[in-house]
Amino acid sequence: MYKIVIVEDDENIREELQQLLVNALYEVSWIEEFQRVAKQILNLNPDLVLLDMNLPNQDGLGICGELRKTSQVPIIFVTSNVTSMDELNCITRGGDDYITKPYQPPILLARIAAVLKRSAPKKEEQEVQLTYREVTLELSTGKLKRENVSIDLTKNEIKIVYYLFRKAGCIIAREELMDYLWDNQIFIDDNTLSVNITRIRAKLKELGAGEYITTKRGLGYLLE
């Protein structure tokens, strides 16, 4: 799971960003004390930083400059500064991307995914496998396994099972699952999601796993 640090002094925006990122399965930390911000960020060892320009004590450009002395952590400026010179300054001082407020959440998530893909290790691939109740999702081969039996999954099925395994025990709304797939450049409609869930259930049954995925009417899916 990628870790993202939010550097934003507006509490409402910070909480909105936090919830958006948590829902997208990122690990989230944030800065609340705006002294020695660069050192705090480095201590948190994030995979990406969302950095505001206008901050107490030191602006975002100064923080970015300090980070670049010792770190290549990806930085996306999220700011209300909207001039082309502001954007140029952010990029030339070491920023990886620049997005203006008010932002569109899907666009911001797409920008984050793109920067991480270019700049950070692919942690989902590093996880190698996830196991839940004797069933293992092997990410490197795209297989579901139980005991000595394995079944191939499609790309869509891998992403869906990955999300379900990571949120096992929680009800996942269909809209939440479709947003996650969209953020990962998998474009499916409501009917296609139903088809994929049906196929995954059939493959789990082939493994002798029984009814892992329960439909909660009007709420979504539950892996139990």
C-alpha atoms as a PDB file:
ATOM      1  CA  MET A   1       0.000   0.000   0.000  1.00  0.00           C
ATOM      2  CA  TYR A   2       1.386   3.399  -0.963  1.00  0.00           C
ATOM      3  CA  LYS A   3       1.836   5.995   1.778  1.00  0.00           C
ATOM      4  CA  ILE A   4       0.914   9.603   1.003  1.00  0.00           C
ATOM      5  CA  VAL A   5       1.656  12.608   3.220  1.00  0.00           C
ATOM      6  CA  ILE A   6      -0.666  15.619   3.052  1.00  0.00           C
ATOM      7  CA  VAL A   7       0.874  19.039   3.742  1.00  0.00           C
ATOM      8  CA  GLU A   8      -2.134  21.341   3.945  1.00  0.00           C
ATOM      9  CA  ASP A   9      -2.967  23.879   6.657  1.00  0.00           C
ATOM     10  CA  ASP A  10      -6.686  24.143   5.868  1.00  0.00           C
ATOM     11  CA  GLU A  11      -8.236  21.507   8.138  1.00  0.00           C
ATOM     12  CA  ASN A  12     -11.347  21.028   5.990  1.00  0.00           C
ATOM     13  CA  ILE A  13      -9.328  20.452   2.820  1.00  0.00           C
ATOM     14  CA  ARG A  14      -6.940  18.178   4.705  1.00  0.00           C
ATOM     15  CA  GLU A  15      -9.780  16.021   6.023  1.00  0.00           C
ATOM     16  CA  GLU A  16     -11.388  15.888   2.576  1.00  0.00           C
ATOM     17  CA  LEU A  17      -8.101  14.754   1.029  1.00  0.00           C
ATOM     18  CA  GLN A  18      -7.547  12.215   3.787  1.00  0.00           C
ATOM     19  CA  GLN A  19     -10.946  10.597   3.237  1.00  0.00           C
ATOM     20  CA  LEU A  20     -10.512  10.584  -0.538  1.00  0.00           C
ATOM     21  CA  LEU A  21      -7.144   8.849  -0.275  1.00  0.00           C
ATOM     22  CA  VAL A  22      -8.219   6.336   2.373  1.00  0.00           C
ATOM     23  CA  ASN A  23     -11.177   5.340   0.186  1.00  0.00           C
ATOM     24  CA  ALA A  24      -8.720   4.816  -2.658  1.00  0.00           C
ATOM     25  CA  LEU A  25      -6.710   2.412  -0.427  1.00  0.00           C
ATOM     26  CA  TYR A  26      -3.761   4.671   0.259  1.00  0.00           C
ATOM     27  CA  GLU A  27      -2.100   4.894   3.653  1.00  0.00           C
ATOM     28  CA  VAL A  28      -2.352   8.528   4.713  1.00  0.00           C
ATOM     29  CA  SER A  29      -0.397  10.754   7.084  1.00  0.00           C
ATOM     30  CA  TRP A  30      -0.477  14.523   7.403  1.00  0.00           C
ATOM     31  CA  ILE A  31       1.433  17.447   8.845  1.00  0.00           C
ATOM     32  CA  GLU A  32      -0.197  19.548  11.563  1.00  0.00           C
ATOM     33  CA  GLU A  33       2.775  21.439  13.000  1.00  0.00           C
ATOM     34  CA  PHE A  34       4.349  23.642  10.328  1.00  0.00           C
ATOM     35  CA  GLN A  35       7.840  23.827  11.768  1.00  0.00           C
ATOM     36  CA  ARG A  36      10.664  21.825  10.134  1.00  0.00           C
ATOM     37  CA  VAL A  37       8.145  20.370   7.721  1.00  0.00           C
ATOM     38  CA  ALA A  38      10.687  18.764   5.390  1.00  0.00           C
ATOM     39  CA  LYS A  39      12.223  16.819   8.280  1.00  0.00           C
ATOM     40  CA  GLN A  40       8.775  15.617   9.390  1.00  0.00           C
ATOM     41  CA  ILE A  41       8.031  14.416   5.863  1.00  0.00           C
ATOM     42  CA  LEU A  42      11.320  12.537   5.608  1.00  0.00           C
ATOM     43  CA  ASN A  43      10.710  10.875   8.971  1.00  0.00           C
ATOM     44  CA  LEU A  44       7.352   9.594   7.679  1.00  0.00           C
ATOM     45  CA  ASN A  45       9.092   8.063   4.629  1.00  0.00           C
ATOM     46  CA  PRO A  46       6.167   8.508   2.202  1.00  0.00           C
ATOM     47  CA  ASP A  47       5.826   7.335  -1.386  1.00  0.00           C
ATOM     48  CA  LEU A  48       4.308  10.680  -2.408  1.00  0.00           C
ATOM     49  CA  VAL A  49       3.664  14.143  -0.948  1.00  0.00           C
ATOM     50  CA  LEU A  50       0.647  16.375  -1.624  1.00  0.00           C
ATOM     51  CA  LEU A  51       2.037  19.840  -0.928  1.00  0.00           C
ATOM     52  CA  ASP A  52       0.198  23.148  -0.649  1.00  0.00           C
ATOM     53  CA  MET A  53       2.009  26.328  -1.715  1.00  0.00           C
ATOM     54  CA  ASN A  54       0.733  28.777   0.905  1.00  0.00           C
ATOM     55  CA  LEU A  55       1.643  27.497   4.360  1.00  0.00           C
ATOM     56  CA  PRO A  56       2.496  29.007   7.751  1.00  0.00           C
ATOM     57  CA  ASN A  57       6.175  29.836   8.346  1.00  0.00           C
ATOM     58  CA  GLN A  58       7.463  28.477   5.023  1.00  0.00           C
ATOM     59  CA  ASP A  59       5.909  28.165   1.588  1.00  0.00           C
ATOM     60  CA  GLY A  60       5.635  24.951  -0.385  1.00  0.00           C
ATOM     61  CA  LEU A  61       8.458  25.884  -2.744  1.00  0.00           C
ATOM     62  CA  GLY A  62      10.865  26.209   0.168  1.00  0.00           C
ATOM     63  CA  ILE A  63       9.784  22.846   1.585  1.00  0.00           C
ATOM     64  CA  CYS A  64      10.163  21.245  -1.841  1.00  0.00           C
ATOM     65  CA  GLY A  65      13.658  22.700  -2.151  1.00  0.00           C
ATOM     66  CA  GLU A  66      14.676  21.276   1.229  1.00  0.00           C
ATOM     67  CA  LEU A  67      13.317  17.844   0.331  1.00  0.00           C
ATOM     68  CA  ARG A  68      15.176  17.821  -2.974  1.00  0.00           C
ATOM     69  CA  LYS A  69      18.516  18.222  -1.177  1.00  0.00           C
ATOM     70  CA  THR A  70      18.279  14.637   0.073  1.00  0.00           C
ATOM     71  CA  SER A  71      15.171  12.981  -1.399  1.00  0.00           C
ATOM     72  CA  GLN A  72      13.483  12.277  -4.728  1.00  0.00           C
ATOM     73  CA  VAL A  73      10.102  11.515  -3.149  1.00  0.00           C
ATOM     74  CA  PRO A  74       7.384  12.447  -5.684  1.00  0.00           C
ATOM     75  CA  ILE A  75       5.702  15.780  -4.940  1.00  0.00           C
ATOM     76  CA  ILE A  76       2.385  17.004  -6.308  1.00  0.00           C
ATOM     77  CA  PHE A  77       1.590  20.633  -5.581  1.00  0.00           C
ATOM     78  CA  VAL A  78      -2.114  21.117  -4.750  1.00  0.00           C
ATOM     79  CA  THR A  79      -2.658  24.837  -4.623  1.00  0.00           C
ATOM     80  CA  SER A  80      -4.990  27.761  -5.188  1.00  0.00           C
ATOM     81  CA  ASN A  81      -2.194  29.574  -7.061  1.00  0.00           C
ATOM     82  CA  VAL A  82      -3.320  29.389 -10.662  1.00  0.00           C
ATOM     83  CA  THR A  83      -0.900  31.374 -12.839  1.00  0.00           C
ATOM     84  CA  SER A  84       1.365  29.747 -15.401  1.00  0.00           C
ATOM     85  CA  MET A  85       4.372  31.216 -13.552  1.00  0.00           C
ATOM     86  CA  ASP A  86       3.270  29.470 -10.338  1.00  0.00           C
ATOM     87  CA  GLU A  87       3.077  26.167 -12.184  1.00  0.00           C
ATOM     88  CA  LEU A  88       6.467  26.753 -13.827  1.00  0.00           C
ATOM     89  CA  ASN A  89       8.062  27.537 -10.462  1.00  0.00           C
ATOM     90  CA  CYS A  90       6.642  24.372  -8.922  1.00  0.00           C
ATOM     91  CA  ILE A  91       7.931  22.136 -11.697  1.00  0.00           C
ATOM     92  CA  THR A  92      11.352  23.767 -12.029  1.00  0.00           C
ATOM     93  CA  ARG A  93      11.900  23.637  -8.255  1.00  0.00           C
ATOM     94  CA  GLY A  94      11.404  19.879  -8.195  1.00  0.00           C
ATOM     95  CA  GLY A  95       7.663  19.195  -8.233  1.00  0.00           C
ATOM     96  CA  ASP A  96       6.429  16.199 -10.199  1.00  0.00           C
ATOM     97  CA  ASP A  97       2.967  17.589 -10.928  1.00  0.00           C
ATOM     98  CA  TYR A  98       0.735  20.565 -10.203  1.00  0.00           C
ATOM     99  CA  ILE A  99      -3.034  20.683  -9.700  1.00  0.00           C
ATOM    100  CA  THR A 100      -5.141  23.692  -8.796  1.00  0.00           C
ATOM    101  CA  LYS A 101      -7.925  24.041  -6.247  1.00  0.00           C
ATOM    102  CA  PRO A 102     -10.787  23.413  -6.397  1.00  0.00           C
ATOM    103  CA  TYR A 103      -9.750  20.054  -7.837  1.00  0.00           C
ATOM    104  CA  GLN A 104     -11.925  17.271  -9.217  1.00  0.00           C
ATOM    105  CA  PRO A 105     -11.333  14.175  -7.012  1.00  0.00           C
ATOM    106  CA  PRO A 106     -11.149  11.682  -9.952  1.00  0.00           C
ATOM    107  CA  ILE A 107      -8.610  13.924 -11.707  1.00  0.00           C
ATOM    108  CA  LEU A 108      -6.477  14.251  -8.585  1.00  0.00           C
ATOM    109  CA  LEU A 109      -6.543  10.477  -8.025  1.00  0.00           C
ATOM    110  CA  ALA A 110      -5.595   9.899 -11.655  1.00  0.00           C
ATOM    111  CA  ARG A 111      -2.664  12.315 -11.327  1.00  0.00           C
ATOM    112  CA  ILE A 112      -1.504  10.586  -8.133  1.00  0.00           C
ATOM    113  CA  ALA A 113      -1.687   7.164  -9.795  1.00  0.00           C
ATOM    114  CA  ALA A 114       0.265   8.442 -12.807  1.00  0.00           C
ATOM    115  CA  VAL A 115       3.041   9.965 -10.687  1.00  0.00           C
ATOM    116  CA  LEU A 116       3.332   6.838  -8.531  1.00  0.00           C
ATOM    117  CA  LYS A 117       3.483   4.669 -11.633  1.00  0.00           C
ATOM    118  CA  ARG A 118       6.392   6.729 -12.962  1.00  0.00           C
ATOM    119  CA  SER A 119       8.242   7.378  -9.742  1.00  0.00           C
ATOM    120  CA  ALA A 120       7.517   4.870  -6.969  1.00  0.00           C
ATOM    121  CA  PRO A 121       7.796   1.101  -6.608  1.00  0.00           C
ATOM    122  CA  LYS A 122       4.684  -0.852  -7.581  1.00  0.00           C
ATOM    123  CA  LYS A 123       3.757  -2.002  -4.102  1.00  0.00           C
ATOM    124  CA  GLU A 124       0.793  -4.084  -5.146  1.00  0.00           C
ATOM    125  CA  GLU A 125       3.209  -6.205  -7.170  1.00  0.00           C
ATOM    126  CA  GLN A 126       5.663  -6.287  -4.258  1.00  0.00           C
ATOM    127  CA  GLU A 127       2.984  -7.742  -2.003  1.00  0.00           C
ATOM    128  CA  VAL A 128       3.246 -10.920  -4.116  1.00  0.00           C
ATOM    129  CA  GLN A 129       0.163 -12.508  -2.575  1.00  0.00           C
ATOM    130  CA  LEU A 130      -2.813 -11.966  -0.277  1.00  0.00           C
ATOM    131  CA  THR A 131      -4.522 -14.773   1.614  1.00  0.00           C
ATOM    132  CA  TYR A 132      -7.992 -14.866   3.120  1.00  0.00           C
ATOM    133  CA  ARG A 133      -9.604 -17.986   4.615  1.00  0.00           C
ATOM    134  CA  GLU A 134      -7.321 -20.457   2.847  1.00  0.00           C
ATOM    135  CA  VAL A 135      -7.683 -18.769  -0.558  1.00  0.00           C
ATOM    136  CA  THR A 136      -4.607 -16.984  -1.904  1.00  0.00           C
ATOM    137  CA  LEU A 137      -4.510 -14.303  -4.584  1.00  0.00           C
ATOM    138  CA  GLU A 138      -1.108 -14.569  -6.232  1.00  0.00           C
ATOM    139  CA  LEU A 139      -0.522 -11.202  -7.871  1.00  0.00           C
ATOM    140  CA  SER A 140       2.628 -12.154  -9.755  1.00  0.00           C
ATOM    141  CA  THR A 141       0.824 -14.897 -11.716  1.00  0.00           C
ATOM    142  CA  GLY A 142      -2.767 -13.637 -11.598  1.00  0.00           C
ATOM    143  CA  LYS A 143      -4.044 -16.830  -9.991  1.00  0.00           C
ATOM    144  CA  LEU A 144      -6.405 -17.766  -7.186  1.00  0.00           C
ATOM    145  CA  LYS A 145      -5.145 -20.745  -5.206  1.00  0.00           C
ATOM    146  CA  ARG A 146      -6.513 -23.061  -2.548  1.00  0.00           C
ATOM    147  CA  GLU A 147      -4.550 -26.080  -1.399  1.00  0.00           C
ATOM    148  CA  ASN A 148      -3.186 -27.637  -4.629  1.00  0.00           C
ATOM    149  CA  VAL A 149      -5.728 -26.100  -7.008  1.00  0.00           C
ATOM    150  CA  SER A 150      -5.258 -22.827  -8.908  1.00  0.00           C
ATOM    151  CA  ILE A 151      -7.409 -20.845 -11.336  1.00  0.00           C
ATOM    152  CA  ASP A 152      -6.411 -18.005 -13.672  1.00  0.00           C
ATOM    153  CA  LEU A 153      -8.030 -14.587 -13.262  1.00  0.00           C
ATOM    154  CA  THR A 154      -8.510 -11.827 -15.817  1.00  0.00           C
ATOM    155  CA  LYS A 155      -7.038  -8.353 -15.181  1.00  0.00           C
ATOM    156  CA  ASN A 156     -10.428  -7.062 -14.039  1.00  0.00           C
ATOM    157  CA  GLU A 157     -10.953 -10.051 -11.750  1.00  0.00           C
ATOM    158  CA  ILE A 158      -7.499  -9.610 -10.181  1.00  0.00           C
ATOM    159  CA  LYS A 159      -8.254  -5.985  -9.293  1.00  0.00           C
ATOM    160  CA  ILE A 160     -11.684  -6.828  -7.891  1.00  0.00           C
ATOM    161  CA  VAL A 161     -10.407  -9.729  -5.776  1.00  0.00           C
ATOM    162  CA  TYR A 162      -7.465  -7.606  -4.579  1.00  0.00           C
ATOM    163  CA  TYR A 163      -9.842  -4.891  -3.380  1.00  0.00           C
ATOM    164  CA  LEU A 164     -12.183  -7.384  -1.729  1.00  0.00           C
ATOM    165  CA  PHE A 165      -9.304  -9.121   0.065  1.00  0.00           C
ATOM    166  CA  ARG A 166      -7.872  -5.829   1.305  1.00  0.00           C
ATOM    167  CA  LYS A 167     -11.285  -4.809   2.705  1.00  0.00           C
ATOM    168  CA  ALA A 168     -12.405  -8.224   3.929  1.00  0.00           C
ATOM    169  CA  GLY A 169     -15.124  -7.956   6.556  1.00  0.00           C
ATOM    170  CA  CYS A 170     -16.285  -4.540   5.306  1.00  0.00           C
ATOM    171  CA  ILE A 171     -19.306  -3.884   3.099  1.00  0.00           C
ATOM    172  CA  ILE A 172     -18.097  -2.413  -0.186  1.00  0.00           C
ATOM    173  CA  ALA A 173     -20.597  -0.371  -2.185  1.00  0.00           C
ATOM    174  CA  ARG A 174     -20.730  -1.081  -5.916  1.00  0.00           C
ATOM    175  CA  GLU A 175     -19.955   2.584  -6.561  1.00  0.00           C
ATOM    176  CA  GLU A 176     -16.849   2.371  -4.354  1.00  0.00           C
ATOM    177  CA  LEU A 177     -15.601  -0.687  -6.228  1.00  0.00           C
ATOM    178  CA  MET A 178     -16.247   0.916  -9.617  1.00  0.00           C
ATOM    179  CA  ASP A 179     -14.437   4.101  -8.531  1.00  0.00           C
ATOM    180  CA  TYR A 180     -11.437   1.996  -7.496  1.00  0.00           C
ATOM    181  CA  LEU A 181     -11.380   0.244 -10.863  1.00  0.00           C
ATOM    182  CA  TRP A 182     -11.723   3.560 -12.686  1.00  0.00           C
ATOM    183  CA  ASP A 183      -8.774   4.984 -10.731  1.00  0.00           C
ATOM    184  CA  ASN A 184      -6.728   2.001 -11.928  1.00  0.00           C
ATOM    185  CA  GLN A 185      -7.602   2.665 -15.590  1.00  0.00           C
ATOM    186  CA  ILE A 186     -10.136  -0.176 -15.745  1.00  0.00           C
ATOM    187  CA  PHE A 187     -13.306   1.185 -17.306  1.00  0.00           C
ATOM    188  CA  ILE A 188     -16.339  -1.010 -16.636  1.00  0.00           C
ATOM    189  CA  ASP A 189     -20.029  -0.283 -16.338  1.00  0.00           C
ATOM    190  CA  ASP A 190     -22.487  -1.598 -13.762  1.00  0.00           C
ATOM    191  CA  ASN A 191     -23.459  -4.657 -15.825  1.00  0.00           C
ATOM    192  CA  THR A 192     -19.818  -5.569 -16.453  1.00  0.00           C
ATOM    193  CA  LEU A 193     -19.105  -5.427 -12.728  1.00  0.00           C
ATOM    194  CA  SER A 194     -21.980  -7.860 -12.094  1.00  0.00           C
ATOM    195  CA  VAL A 195     -20.597 -10.227 -14.721  1.00  0.00           C
ATOM    196  CA  ASN A 196     -17.125 -10.114 -13.167  1.00  0.00           C
ATOM    197  CA  ILE A 197     -18.468 -10.772  -9.671  1.00  0.00           C
ATOM    198  CA  THR A 198     -20.433 -13.751 -11.007  1.00  0.00           C
ATOM    199  CA  ARG A 199     -17.307 -15.147 -12.658  1.00  0.00           C
ATOM    200  CA  ILE A 200     -15.233 -14.667  -9.506  1.00  0.00           C
ATOM    201  CA  ARG A 201     -17.871 -16.467  -7.451  1.00  0.00           C
ATOM    202  CA  ALA A 202     -17.820 -19.351  -9.923  1.00  0.00           C
ATOM    203  CA  LYS A 203     -14.032 -19.590  -9.717  1.00  0.00           C
ATOM    204  CA  LEU A 204     -14.112 -19.551  -5.928  1.00  0.00           C
ATOM    205  CA  LYS A 205     -16.664 -22.362  -6.066  1.00  0.00           C
ATOM    206  CA  GLU A 206     -14.332 -24.349  -8.325  1.00  0.00           C
ATOM    207  CA  LEU A 207     -11.708 -23.999  -5.611  1.00  0.00           C
ATOM    208  CA  GLY A 208     -14.162 -25.388  -3.083  1.00  0.00           C
ATOM    209  CA  ALA A 209     -14.266 -22.053  -1.287  1.00  0.00           C
ATOM    210  CA  GLY A 210     -18.051 -21.812  -1.088  1.00  0.00           C
ATOM    211  CA  GLU A 211     -19.864 -18.493  -0.760  1.00  0.00           C
ATOM    212  CA  TYR A 212     -17.096 -16.024   0.013  1.00  0.00           C
ATOM    213  CA  ILE A 213     -18.736 -12.987  -1.587  1.00  0.00           C
ATOM    214  CA  THR A 214     -22.116 -12.052  -0.147  1.00  0.00           C
ATOM    215  CA  THR A 215     -24.417  -9.470  -1.709  1.00  0.00           C
ATOM    216  CA  LYS A 216     -25.913  -7.108   0.848  1.00  0.00           C
ATOM    217  CA  ARG A 217     -29.037  -5.836  -0.855  1.00  0.00           C
ATOM    218  CA  GLY A 218     -28.962  -2.086  -1.291  1.00  0.00           C
ATOM    219  CA  LEU A 219     -25.495  -1.853   0.302  1.00  0.00           C
ATOM    220  CA  GLY A 220     -22.931  -3.738  -1.760  1.00  0.00           C
ATOM    221  CA  TYR A 221     -20.608  -6.726  -1.371  1.00  0.00           C
ATOM    222  CA  LEU A 222     -19.107  -8.344   1.700  1.00  0.00           C
ATOM    223  CA  LEU A 223     -16.217 -10.814   1.759  1.00  0.00           C
ATOM    224  CA  GLU A 224     -16.892 -13.008   4.776  1.00  0.00           C
END
